[in-house]
Protein backbone atom coordinates (compact mmCIF):
# COMPACT_ATOMS: atom_id res chain seq x y z
CA UNK A 1 22.54 1.23 -10.59
CA UNK A 2 20.94 4.58 -12.12
CA UNK A 3 17.26 3.46 -11.10
CA UNK A 4 18.63 2.76 -7.54
CA UNK A 5 20.26 6.24 -7.41
CA UNK A 6 17.10 7.78 -8.65
CA UNK A 7 14.81 5.91 -5.98
CA UNK A 8 17.39 7.19 -3.13
CA UNK A 9 17.31 10.63 -4.66
CA UNK A 10 13.59 10.79 -4.61
CA UNK A 11 13.10 9.35 -1.19
CA UNK A 12 15.60 11.74 0.25
CA UNK A 13 13.86 14.60 -1.63
CA UNK A 14 10.58 13.66 -0.41
CA UNK A 15 12.04 13.42 3.42
CA UNK A 16 13.73 16.99 2.95
CA UNK A 17 10.56 18.41 1.46
CA UNK A 18 8.46 16.99 4.50
CA UNK A 19 11.05 18.51 6.95
CA UNK A 20 10.94 21.99 5.25
CA UNK A 21 7.07 21.97 5.05
CA UNK A 22 6.75 20.91 8.71
CA UNK A 23 9.02 23.37 10.08
CA UNK A 24 7.76 26.15 7.91
CA UNK A 25 4.35 25.23 9.39
CA UNK A 26 5.90 25.72 13.10
CA UNK A 27 6.30 21.91 13.74
CA UNK A 28 9.59 20.33 14.95
CA UNK A 29 11.18 18.30 12.48
CA UNK A 30 14.67 17.10 11.75
CA UNK A 31 16.23 14.71 9.02
CA UNK A 32 19.15 12.63 9.76
CA UNK A 33 20.63 11.27 6.75
CA UNK A 34 22.73 7.99 7.25
CA UNK A 35 24.83 5.89 4.68
CA UNK A 36 23.10 2.72 3.62
CA UNK A 37 19.92 1.37 2.19
CA UNK A 38 16.43 1.51 4.02
CA UNK A 39 17.37 -1.71 5.84
CA UNK A 40 20.44 0.03 7.32
CA UNK A 41 18.50 1.89 9.97
CA UNK A 42 16.95 -1.43 11.50
CA UNK A 43 19.96 -3.44 11.45
CA UNK A 44 21.05 -3.47 15.25
CA UNK A 45 24.71 -3.64 14.26
CA UNK A 46 24.87 -0.61 12.31
CA UNK A 47 26.05 2.74 13.23
CA UNK A 48 22.73 4.27 11.97
CA UNK A 49 20.89 2.03 14.47
CA UNK A 50 23.10 3.25 17.16
CA UNK A 51 22.48 6.93 16.13
CA UNK A 52 18.65 6.36 16.14
CA UNK A 53 18.78 4.85 19.51
CA UNK A 54 20.88 7.96 20.75
CA UNK A 55 18.33 10.45 19.07
CA UNK A 56 15.35 8.62 20.86
CA UNK A 57 17.10 8.67 24.07
CA UNK A 58 17.50 12.30 23.65
CA UNK A 59 13.76 12.72 23.27
CA UNK A 60 12.93 11.04 26.35
């Protein structure tokens, strides 16, 4: 369980770092954190999937 938390923390840290660097350079970037593992965002029954679709719709 500890290794899993460390991996999640590292992945979130990398994503936060990317967004910070991108926005500092003038790019548009936003991190949306969701509960679950990395498969949650592609599970069509999850709230994360619904949120992803809503974000993509807002970009159109």
